Amino acid sequence: MIKLRVLGRPKKLFHGWFVVLGAFISQTLQSGFGFQGFGTFIIPLEQEFGWDKTTLSGARSLMQFENGLMGPVEGAFIDRFGSRITMAFGMFIFGLGLFLLGFIQSLWAYYVVFVIIAFGTSISGFLVLSTAINNWFRRKRTFALSLAQMGLGFGGIALIPLLVWMQGEYGWRTAAIAAGIMVWSIGLPASLLMRRIPEQYGLLPDGDPPSTPFQRTQDVAAGRPTGGGLIDFTLVEALRTRAFWLLGIGHGMSVIAIGGAITHQFAHMELDEGVGLSRATAALVVTVLSAMNIVGRLGAGLTGDRFDKRYLAAAGTGGVAVAMVVLATAGTLWQAMTYAVVLGFFWGIRGPMMSSMRGEYFGRTHFGKIVGTSSLLVMPGSIFGPILAGLMFDIQGDYQLAFILLGAISAFGAISFLLIRPPSPPARLRGSPTAPTDSTVG
């Protein structure tokens, strides 16, 4: 650990917070140039090539499809090789995809480039970051995840206006090339902050010393994670729990709404059939959304380790449903701003709970495999949301009904979270005097 001098006395700084910083930087780049940034390219691409919105949003869904398929493989890779190598490799591929986007001339090249971008964002995405954070934190897990995920909001504040400005001043091709170079120059150094497990440094999660009863000395010396006192489910054991499936279903339904809205919000706000805002004003709305996302994630971090995460996840997902209805009926700047405030805040509340609940329920040792496999449940929602919104626009000429349907789906996701119950210990540990109870696990 790094030592800082505070009021004349040296104070150790737990390296887990540097892991959080690396995750924050990665989330900032992925949000600003990937997840939210993708929507800024739809109108320029449509104007240059004449492709309809279903075709354009299909690339976004292709990204989510690839991310979902890569989940189980990526989870196993992270558990085997660690977060640093995985994140660095992903950042290189992500930057390469953005760089190549600036040179496309055909539809097939557009889709090939987004396969590359999808591969990079998947490898360097939140699975690798949440695995690392889950290894380094237990009591402060939700708070640490919330700080890292604030990068999603910060990317919208810092990078979306920059991306829109570059597109307006220099064209979308130059903006894409510049974004790729920025990912390389910032993301690759950030990956060096990642570390695998605190046991390799003689510590426990949260910086606890190895003398605590949660860890045996020989396990610390060998660098083996034992769950920090919590039960570590295997993948097979997690699959046998109802919590695994309900969590995945609720998560999947919520990303249907968020993915559809984020992909098409720029187009909806710019078009006369929608809100009718200028490009710069639409970017301002997204900036407000991102700022409120930071507020929501901070709120999640301050409350998530103290209150039942199931109810916080349900409240966040229900709030997303309300935001979809607001967006569907928005016709003025202030209504668009209301959408930004509601979606940003409640999306921020929901986000950190997904990884935190899985870590709390299933432990650390097999976290990558478990979360990677659960991505197969989330993937259909990530694919369906953008395509649904684009298809309904092409059929109806506006997004109103599409956003209302996305809101209804998100509401069902909130119900799914309310039905979750913390899993009982696996059969191999039942009856063990050291096995935690359900209340400890949950």
Protein backbone atom coordinates (compact mmCIF):
# COMPACT_ATOMS: atom_id res chain seq x y z
CA MET A 1 0.00 0.00 0.00
CA ILE A 2 1.04 3.60 -0.59
CA LYS A 3 1.81 5.67 2.51
CA LEU A 4 0.58 9.25 2.81
CA ARG A 5 1.51 11.70 5.54
CA VAL A 6 -1.55 13.15 7.27
CA LEU A 7 -0.95 15.74 10.05
CA GLY A 8 2.65 14.57 10.39
CA ARG A 9 1.79 10.87 10.74
CA PRO A 10 2.10 8.33 7.90
CA LYS A 11 -1.19 6.81 6.82
CA LYS A 12 -1.50 3.81 4.52
CA LEU A 13 -3.72 4.23 1.47
CA PHE A 14 -5.51 1.01 0.60
CA HIS A 15 -4.74 0.07 -3.01
CA GLY A 16 -8.35 -0.97 -3.54
CA TRP A 17 -9.15 2.72 -4.06
CA PHE A 18 -6.68 2.84 -6.96
CA VAL A 19 -8.54 -0.12 -8.44
CA VAL A 20 -11.71 1.96 -8.15
CA LEU A 21 -9.94 4.87 -9.89
CA GLY A 22 -8.91 2.64 -12.80
CA ALA A 23 -12.48 1.37 -13.06
CA PHE A 24 -13.82 4.95 -12.99
CA ILE A 25 -11.57 5.96 -15.90
CA SER A 26 -12.61 2.91 -17.91
CA GLN A 27 -16.30 3.60 -17.31
CA THR A 28 -15.82 7.24 -18.33
CA LEU A 29 -14.29 6.24 -21.67
CA GLN A 30 -16.81 3.50 -22.34
CA SER A 31 -19.75 5.77 -21.59
CA GLY A 32 -18.53 8.87 -23.41
CA PHE A 33 -17.24 7.14 -26.53
CA GLY A 34 -19.24 3.91 -26.45
CA PHE A 35 -22.51 3.42 -24.58
CA GLN A 36 -23.86 6.99 -24.66
CA GLY A 37 -21.52 8.28 -27.34
CA PHE A 38 -22.87 5.84 -29.91
CA GLY A 39 -26.13 7.77 -30.13
CA THR A 40 -24.34 10.93 -31.31
CA PHE A 41 -23.28 9.16 -34.53
CA ILE A 42 -26.78 8.07 -35.62
CA ILE A 43 -27.92 11.31 -37.30
CA PRO A 44 -24.57 12.03 -39.07
CA LEU A 45 -24.41 8.44 -40.37
CA GLU A 46 -28.03 8.56 -41.50
CA GLN A 47 -27.40 11.84 -43.33
CA GLU A 48 -24.28 10.57 -45.12
CA PHE A 49 -25.32 7.02 -46.01
CA GLY A 50 -29.13 7.12 -45.90
CA TRP A 51 -29.40 4.06 -43.62
CA ASP A 52 -32.62 3.81 -41.58
CA LYS A 53 -32.64 3.79 -37.80
CA THR A 54 -33.38 0.07 -37.51
CA THR A 55 -30.21 -0.65 -39.49
CA LEU A 56 -28.15 1.84 -37.50
CA SER A 57 -29.37 0.68 -34.10
CA GLY A 58 -28.75 -2.92 -35.14
CA ALA A 59 -25.04 -2.28 -34.63
CA ARG A 60 -25.74 -1.34 -31.04
CA SER A 61 -27.68 -4.54 -30.53
CA LEU A 62 -24.87 -6.49 -32.21
CA MET A 63 -22.51 -5.02 -29.61
CA GLN A 64 -24.76 -6.24 -26.81
CA PHE A 65 -25.14 -9.67 -28.42
CA GLU A 66 -21.38 -10.08 -28.60
CA ASN A 67 -20.97 -8.79 -25.05
CA GLY A 68 -23.47 -11.37 -23.81
CA LEU A 69 -21.85 -14.26 -25.66
CA MET A 70 -18.43 -13.22 -24.41
CA GLY A 71 -19.62 -13.05 -20.80
CA PRO A 72 -18.99 -16.65 -19.70
CA VAL A 73 -15.66 -16.81 -21.54
CA GLU A 74 -14.60 -13.43 -20.23
CA GLY A 75 -15.58 -14.37 -16.67
CA ALA A 76 -13.44 -17.49 -16.79
CA PHE A 77 -10.57 -15.51 -18.33
CA ILE A 78 -10.72 -12.89 -15.57
CA ASP A 79 -10.80 -15.52 -12.83
CA ARG A 80 -7.77 -17.17 -14.45
CA PHE A 81 -5.56 -14.24 -15.52
CA GLY A 82 -6.75 -11.25 -13.50
CA SER A 83 -8.14 -7.81 -14.28
CA ARG A 84 -5.06 -5.88 -15.39
CA ILE A 85 -4.22 -7.92 -18.49
CA THR A 86 -7.89 -8.28 -19.41
CA MET A 87 -8.63 -4.56 -19.18
CA ALA A 88 -5.49 -3.50 -21.10
CA PHE A 89 -6.28 -5.88 -23.97
CA GLY A 90 -9.88 -4.68 -24.12
CA MET A 91 -8.90 -1.00 -24.13
CA PHE A 92 -6.56 -1.56 -27.07
CA ILE A 93 -9.31 -3.27 -29.10
CA PHE A 94 -11.91 -0.63 -28.11
CA GLY A 95 -9.63 2.18 -29.29
CA LEU A 96 -8.86 0.32 -32.51
CA GLY A 97 -12.57 -0.03 -33.31
CA LEU A 98 -13.23 3.69 -32.82
CA PHE A 99 -10.20 4.57 -34.94
CA LEU A 100 -11.39 2.34 -37.78
CA LEU A 101 -14.93 3.79 -37.57
CA GLY A 102 -13.53 6.98 -39.08
CA PHE A 103 -12.69 5.15 -42.32
CA ILE A 104 -15.86 3.15 -43.10
CA GLN A 105 -17.48 3.46 -46.54
CA SER A 106 -20.12 0.72 -46.52
CA LEU A 107 -22.70 -0.96 -44.31
CA TRP A 108 -20.72 -4.17 -43.96
CA ALA A 109 -17.67 -2.18 -42.81
CA TYR A 110 -19.89 -0.33 -40.29
CA TYR A 111 -20.96 -3.64 -38.76
CA VAL A 112 -17.45 -5.11 -38.80
CA VAL A 113 -16.15 -2.06 -36.94
CA PHE A 114 -18.84 -2.39 -34.31
CA VAL A 115 -17.97 -6.05 -33.83
CA ILE A 116 -14.46 -4.85 -32.99
CA ILE A 117 -15.79 -2.12 -30.68
CA ALA A 118 -18.10 -4.62 -29.00
CA PHE A 119 -15.25 -7.03 -28.40
CA GLY A 120 -13.13 -4.29 -26.87
CA THR A 121 -15.86 -2.87 -24.65
CA SER A 122 -16.79 -6.36 -23.50
CA ILE A 123 -13.25 -7.35 -22.56
CA SER A 124 -12.58 -4.05 -20.78
CA GLY A 125 -16.15 -3.60 -19.55
CA PHE A 126 -17.76 -3.63 -16.16
CA LEU A 127 -17.44 -7.39 -15.70
CA VAL A 128 -13.68 -7.10 -15.33
CA LEU A 129 -14.02 -3.98 -13.19
CA SER A 130 -16.74 -5.32 -10.90
CA THR A 131 -14.80 -8.55 -10.43
CA ALA A 132 -11.75 -6.61 -9.31
CA ILE A 133 -13.76 -4.36 -6.98
CA ASN A 134 -15.66 -7.34 -5.56
CA ASN A 135 -12.31 -8.93 -4.74
CA TRP A 136 -10.99 -5.82 -2.97
CA PHE A 137 -14.11 -4.78 -1.02
CA ARG A 138 -16.73 -6.45 1.15
CA ARG A 139 -18.20 -4.05 3.72
CA LYS A 140 -17.73 -1.10 1.35
CA ARG A 141 -18.55 -3.05 -1.82
CA THR A 142 -21.55 -0.99 -2.94
CA PHE A 143 -19.82 2.30 -2.17
CA ALA A 144 -16.75 1.29 -4.19
CA LEU A 145 -18.88 0.08 -7.10
CA SER A 146 -20.85 3.33 -7.02
CA LEU A 147 -17.70 5.43 -7.21
CA ALA A 148 -16.47 3.40 -10.18
CA GLN A 149 -19.80 3.62 -11.98
CA MET A 150 -19.86 7.39 -11.57
CA GLY A 151 -17.60 7.25 -14.59
CA LEU A 152 -20.71 6.49 -16.67
CA GLY A 153 -22.13 9.86 -15.70
CA PHE A 154 -18.82 11.69 -15.90
CA GLY A 155 -18.31 10.37 -19.43
CA GLY A 156 -21.60 11.97 -20.42
CA ILE A 157 -20.61 15.29 -18.85
CA ALA A 158 -17.02 15.50 -20.07
CA LEU A 159 -16.90 13.47 -23.29
CA ILE A 160 -20.36 13.70 -24.92
CA PRO A 161 -20.14 17.50 -25.42
CA LEU A 162 -16.56 17.06 -26.64
CA LEU A 163 -17.66 14.38 -29.10
CA VAL A 164 -20.58 16.48 -30.39
CA TRP A 165 -18.28 19.50 -30.75
CA MET A 166 -15.70 17.51 -32.72
CA GLN A 167 -18.43 16.12 -34.98
CA GLY A 168 -19.69 19.63 -35.68
CA GLU A 169 -16.27 21.26 -36.20
CA TYR A 170 -14.30 18.49 -37.90
CA GLY A 171 -16.85 15.87 -38.96
CA TRP A 172 -17.89 12.56 -37.47
CA ARG A 173 -14.96 10.69 -39.03
CA THR A 174 -12.32 12.85 -37.36
CA ALA A 175 -14.27 12.66 -34.09
CA ALA A 176 -14.23 8.85 -34.20
CA ILE A 177 -10.49 8.71 -34.94
CA ALA A 178 -9.73 11.18 -32.13
CA ALA A 179 -11.88 9.17 -29.72
CA GLY A 180 -9.91 6.02 -30.51
CA ILE A 181 -6.61 7.77 -29.86
CA MET A 182 -7.92 9.11 -26.54
CA VAL A 183 -8.98 5.61 -25.46
CA TRP A 184 -5.43 4.36 -26.12
CA SER A 185 -3.72 7.28 -24.41
CA ILE A 186 -5.92 7.25 -21.29
CA GLY A 187 -7.37 3.74 -21.01
CA LEU A 188 -4.15 1.76 -21.38
CA PRO A 189 -2.34 3.57 -18.52
CA ALA A 190 -5.48 3.26 -16.37
CA SER A 191 -5.39 -0.52 -16.73
CA LEU A 192 -2.07 -0.55 -14.83
CA LEU A 193 -3.97 0.46 -11.69
CA MET A 194 -5.86 -2.82 -11.61
CA ARG A 195 -4.82 -5.58 -9.22
CA ARG A 196 -6.17 -9.09 -8.78
CA ILE A 197 -6.82 -9.77 -5.06
CA PRO A 198 -5.70 -8.15 -1.79
CA GLU A 199 -4.47 -11.50 -0.46
CA GLN A 200 -1.44 -11.16 -2.73
CA TYR A 201 -0.45 -8.15 -0.61
CA GLY A 202 -1.12 -9.70 2.77
CA LEU A 203 -4.50 -8.03 3.18
CA LEU A 204 -8.18 -8.80 3.19
CA PRO A 205 -11.01 -6.92 1.45
CA ASP A 206 -11.48 -3.34 2.71
CA GLY A 207 -7.83 -3.31 3.82
CA ASP A 208 -8.40 -5.52 6.86
CA PRO A 209 -5.17 -6.98 8.28
CA PRO A 210 -4.62 -10.75 7.84
CA SER A 211 -4.96 -11.33 11.59
CA THR A 212 -8.74 -11.00 11.37
CA PRO A 213 -10.70 -14.25 11.91
CA PHE A 214 -12.05 -14.16 8.35
CA GLN A 215 -8.82 -15.44 6.82
CA ARG A 216 -6.22 -18.03 7.69
CA THR A 217 -2.57 -16.94 7.51
CA GLN A 218 -1.63 -19.71 5.09
CA ASP A 219 -4.38 -18.60 2.70
CA VAL A 220 -3.04 -15.04 2.72
CA ALA A 221 0.49 -16.26 2.05
CA ALA A 222 -0.73 -18.35 -0.87
CA GLY A 223 -2.74 -15.46 -2.28
CA ARG A 224 -5.98 -17.45 -2.24
CA PRO A 225 -9.30 -15.60 -1.86
CA THR A 226 -11.65 -17.24 0.61
CA GLY A 227 -14.57 -14.90 0.30
CA GLY A 228 -13.66 -12.50 3.09
CA GLY A 229 -15.87 -14.46 5.47
CA LEU A 230 -18.77 -14.87 3.04
CA ILE A 231 -19.79 -18.08 1.32
CA ASP A 232 -18.29 -18.57 -2.13
CA PHE A 233 -20.78 -20.29 -4.42
CA THR A 234 -19.53 -22.21 -7.42
CA LEU A 235 -21.18 -21.44 -10.75
CA VAL A 236 -23.27 -24.63 -10.59
CA GLU A 237 -24.40 -23.82 -7.05
CA ALA A 238 -25.36 -20.27 -8.06
CA LEU A 239 -27.36 -21.58 -11.02
CA ARG A 240 -29.44 -23.65 -8.62
CA THR A 241 -30.64 -20.60 -6.69
CA ARG A 242 -33.76 -18.59 -7.47
CA ALA A 243 -31.85 -15.39 -6.70
CA PHE A 244 -29.52 -15.94 -9.69
CA TRP A 245 -32.40 -16.16 -12.15
CA LEU A 246 -34.57 -13.37 -10.73
CA LEU A 247 -31.57 -11.04 -10.57
CA GLY A 248 -30.73 -11.78 -14.19
CA ILE A 249 -34.33 -11.30 -15.35
CA GLY A 250 -34.75 -8.02 -13.49
CA HIS A 251 -31.40 -6.78 -14.77
CA GLY A 252 -32.27 -7.79 -18.33
CA MET A 253 -35.63 -6.02 -18.29
CA SER A 254 -34.11 -2.82 -16.97
CA VAL A 255 -31.42 -2.68 -19.66
CA ILE A 256 -34.09 -3.11 -22.35
CA ALA A 257 -35.41 0.32 -21.38
CA ILE A 258 -32.06 1.97 -20.71
CA GLY A 259 -30.42 0.59 -23.85
CA GLY A 260 -33.31 1.64 -26.07
CA ALA A 261 -33.50 5.12 -24.58
CA ILE A 262 -29.78 5.85 -24.61
CA THR A 263 -29.40 4.67 -28.20
CA HIS A 264 -32.26 6.80 -29.55
CA GLN A 265 -32.55 9.73 -27.15
CA PHE A 266 -30.41 12.02 -29.31
CA ALA A 267 -32.44 11.26 -32.43
CA HIS A 268 -35.75 11.71 -30.56
CA MET A 269 -34.71 15.05 -29.09
CA GLU A 270 -33.34 16.39 -32.40
CA LEU A 271 -36.20 15.37 -34.70
CA ASP A 272 -39.22 17.58 -35.31
CA GLU A 273 -41.39 14.48 -34.74
CA GLY A 274 -39.87 14.31 -31.25
CA VAL A 275 -38.85 17.18 -29.00
CA GLY A 276 -37.36 19.32 -31.77
CA LEU A 277 -34.22 20.52 -29.98
CA SER A 278 -30.98 21.64 -31.59
CA ARG A 279 -27.99 19.29 -31.48
CA ALA A 280 -26.22 21.42 -28.88
CA THR A 281 -29.33 21.59 -26.66
CA ALA A 282 -29.81 17.82 -26.91
CA ALA A 283 -26.21 17.43 -25.77
CA LEU A 284 -27.02 19.68 -22.80
CA VAL A 285 -29.93 17.41 -21.84
CA VAL A 286 -27.64 14.38 -21.92
CA THR A 287 -25.13 16.29 -19.78
CA VAL A 288 -27.84 16.89 -17.17
CA LEU A 289 -28.77 13.20 -17.36
CA SER A 290 -25.15 12.26 -16.74
CA ALA A 291 -24.84 14.67 -13.81
CA MET A 292 -27.93 13.18 -12.18
CA ASN A 293 -26.56 9.72 -12.86
CA ILE A 294 -23.57 10.65 -10.71
CA VAL A 295 -25.90 11.90 -7.97
CA GLY A 296 -27.88 8.66 -8.10
CA ARG A 297 -24.78 6.47 -7.92
CA LEU A 298 -23.45 8.48 -5.00
CA GLY A 299 -26.79 7.97 -3.26
CA ALA A 300 -26.58 4.25 -4.00
CA GLY A 301 -23.08 4.13 -2.55
CA LEU A 302 -24.13 5.85 0.66
CA THR A 303 -27.22 3.71 1.20
CA GLY A 304 -26.54 0.40 -0.55
CA ASP A 305 -24.35 -1.09 2.19
CA ARG A 306 -26.88 -0.09 4.88
CA PHE A 307 -30.27 -0.98 3.41
CA ASP A 308 -31.77 -3.91 1.54
CA LYS A 309 -30.40 -3.77 -1.99
CA ARG A 310 -33.44 -5.54 -3.43
CA TYR A 311 -35.68 -2.58 -2.63
CA LEU A 312 -33.14 -0.05 -3.91
CA ALA A 313 -32.83 -2.01 -7.17
CA ALA A 314 -36.62 -2.15 -7.51
CA ALA A 315 -36.97 1.58 -6.82
CA GLY A 316 -34.29 2.40 -9.38
CA THR A 317 -35.86 0.20 -12.05
CA GLY A 318 -39.33 1.62 -11.34
CA GLY A 319 -37.93 5.12 -11.69
CA VAL A 320 -36.51 4.20 -15.09
CA ALA A 321 -40.03 3.15 -16.14
CA VAL A 322 -41.36 6.58 -15.16
CA ALA A 323 -38.57 8.27 -17.12
CA MET A 324 -39.56 6.35 -20.27
CA VAL A 325 -43.11 7.70 -20.09
CA VAL A 326 -41.79 11.24 -19.57
CA LEU A 327 -39.53 10.89 -22.63
CA ALA A 328 -42.35 9.48 -24.74
CA THR A 329 -44.59 12.48 -24.03
CA ALA A 330 -41.89 15.17 -24.00
CA GLY A 331 -42.44 18.07 -26.39
CA THR A 332 -40.46 20.89 -24.76
CA LEU A 333 -36.97 21.44 -23.38
CA TRP A 334 -38.20 21.38 -19.78
CA GLN A 335 -39.95 18.05 -20.29
CA ALA A 336 -36.76 16.66 -21.81
CA MET A 337 -34.86 17.98 -18.78
CA THR A 338 -37.35 16.24 -16.48
CA TYR A 339 -36.64 13.00 -18.31
CA ALA A 340 -32.91 13.57 -17.89
CA VAL A 341 -33.23 14.16 -14.14
CA VAL A 342 -35.48 11.15 -13.53
CA LEU A 343 -33.61 8.66 -15.72
CA GLY A 344 -30.18 9.82 -14.58
CA PHE A 345 -30.99 9.57 -10.88
CA PHE A 346 -32.86 6.27 -10.87
CA TRP A 347 -30.51 4.60 -13.35
CA GLY A 348 -27.73 5.66 -10.99
CA ILE A 349 -29.52 4.11 -8.02
CA ARG A 350 -30.07 0.80 -9.81
CA GLY A 351 -26.68 0.39 -11.47
CA PRO A 352 -24.34 -0.46 -8.57
CA MET A 353 -26.85 -2.85 -7.02
CA MET A 354 -26.47 -5.41 -9.82
CA SER A 355 -22.86 -6.33 -9.12
CA SER A 356 -23.09 -5.65 -5.40
CA MET A 357 -26.02 -8.04 -4.93
CA ARG A 358 -24.25 -10.79 -6.88
CA GLY A 359 -21.10 -10.33 -4.83
CA GLU A 360 -23.06 -10.31 -1.60
CA TYR A 361 -25.04 -13.42 -2.49
CA PHE A 362 -22.38 -15.53 -4.25
CA GLY A 363 -18.98 -14.46 -2.90
CA ARG A 364 -15.68 -13.70 -4.61
CA THR A 365 -13.86 -16.80 -5.81
CA HIS A 366 -16.12 -17.60 -8.78
CA PHE A 367 -17.58 -14.12 -9.22
CA GLY A 368 -16.31 -13.68 -12.80
CA LYS A 369 -17.84 -16.93 -14.01
CA ILE A 370 -21.14 -16.27 -12.23
CA VAL A 371 -21.57 -12.71 -13.52
CA GLY A 372 -20.31 -13.70 -16.97
CA THR A 373 -22.92 -16.45 -17.19
CA SER A 374 -25.67 -14.15 -15.94
CA SER A 375 -24.89 -11.88 -18.89
CA LEU A 376 -26.65 -14.47 -21.06
CA LEU A 377 -29.87 -13.43 -19.30
CA VAL A 378 -29.13 -9.72 -19.67
CA MET A 379 -28.02 -9.96 -23.31
CA PRO A 380 -31.50 -10.43 -24.90
CA GLY A 381 -32.67 -7.22 -23.26
CA SER A 382 -29.62 -5.31 -24.46
CA ILE A 383 -30.31 -6.48 -28.01
CA PHE A 384 -34.08 -6.04 -27.97
CA GLY A 385 -34.33 -2.49 -26.61
CA PRO A 386 -32.46 -0.54 -29.33
CA ILE A 387 -33.95 -2.60 -32.18
CA LEU A 388 -37.50 -2.27 -30.82
CA ALA A 389 -37.23 1.51 -30.60
CA GLY A 390 -35.66 1.82 -34.06
CA LEU A 391 -38.15 -0.52 -35.69
CA MET A 392 -41.17 1.23 -34.18
CA PHE A 393 -39.85 4.59 -35.35
CA ASP A 394 -39.45 3.28 -38.90
CA ILE A 395 -43.02 1.94 -38.80
CA GLN A 396 -44.78 4.79 -37.00
CA GLY A 397 -42.57 7.78 -37.70
CA ASP A 398 -41.99 8.60 -34.01
CA TYR A 399 -40.70 7.05 -30.79
CA GLN A 400 -43.70 7.64 -28.50
CA LEU A 401 -45.15 4.12 -28.33
CA ALA A 402 -41.70 2.56 -28.27
CA PHE A 403 -40.68 4.43 -25.12
CA ILE A 404 -43.98 3.65 -23.40
CA LEU A 405 -43.47 -0.08 -24.06
CA LEU A 406 -39.90 0.16 -22.76
CA GLY A 407 -41.27 1.75 -19.60
CA ALA A 408 -43.76 -1.11 -19.09
CA ILE A 409 -40.99 -3.69 -19.46
CA SER A 410 -38.85 -1.84 -16.91
CA ALA A 411 -41.77 -1.88 -14.46
CA PHE A 412 -41.89 -5.69 -14.69
CA GLY A 413 -38.17 -5.71 -13.95
CA ALA A 414 -38.84 -3.85 -10.70
CA ILE A 415 -41.27 -6.59 -9.66
CA SER A 416 -38.63 -9.22 -10.35
CA PHE A 417 -36.25 -7.58 -7.87
CA LEU A 418 -38.94 -7.57 -5.19
CA LEU A 419 -39.33 -11.35 -5.54
CA ILE A 420 -35.66 -12.08 -4.81
CA ARG A 421 -34.70 -13.81 -1.58
CA PRO A 422 -31.07 -14.19 -0.43
CA PRO A 423 -29.91 -17.75 -1.22
CA SER A 424 -29.36 -20.35 1.45
CA PRO A 425 -25.84 -21.81 1.80
CA PRO A 426 -25.01 -24.56 -0.73
CA ALA A 427 -25.81 -28.14 0.25
CA ARG A 428 -22.12 -28.91 0.90
CA LEU A 429 -22.08 -26.34 3.74
CA ARG A 430 -25.48 -26.83 5.31
CA GLY A 431 -25.15 -27.90 8.88
CA SER A 432 -21.59 -26.56 9.10
CA PRO A 433 -21.10 -24.57 12.33
CA THR A 434 -19.13 -21.95 10.35
CA ALA A 435 -21.61 -21.53 7.54
CA PRO A 436 -23.30 -18.09 7.53
CA THR A 437 -27.04 -17.88 7.79
CA ASP A 438 -29.27 -16.48 5.08
CA SER A 439 -29.30 -13.12 6.79
CA THR A 440 -25.50 -13.02 6.72
CA VAL A 441 -25.38 -13.85 3.04
CA GLY A 442 -28.03 -11.33 2.14
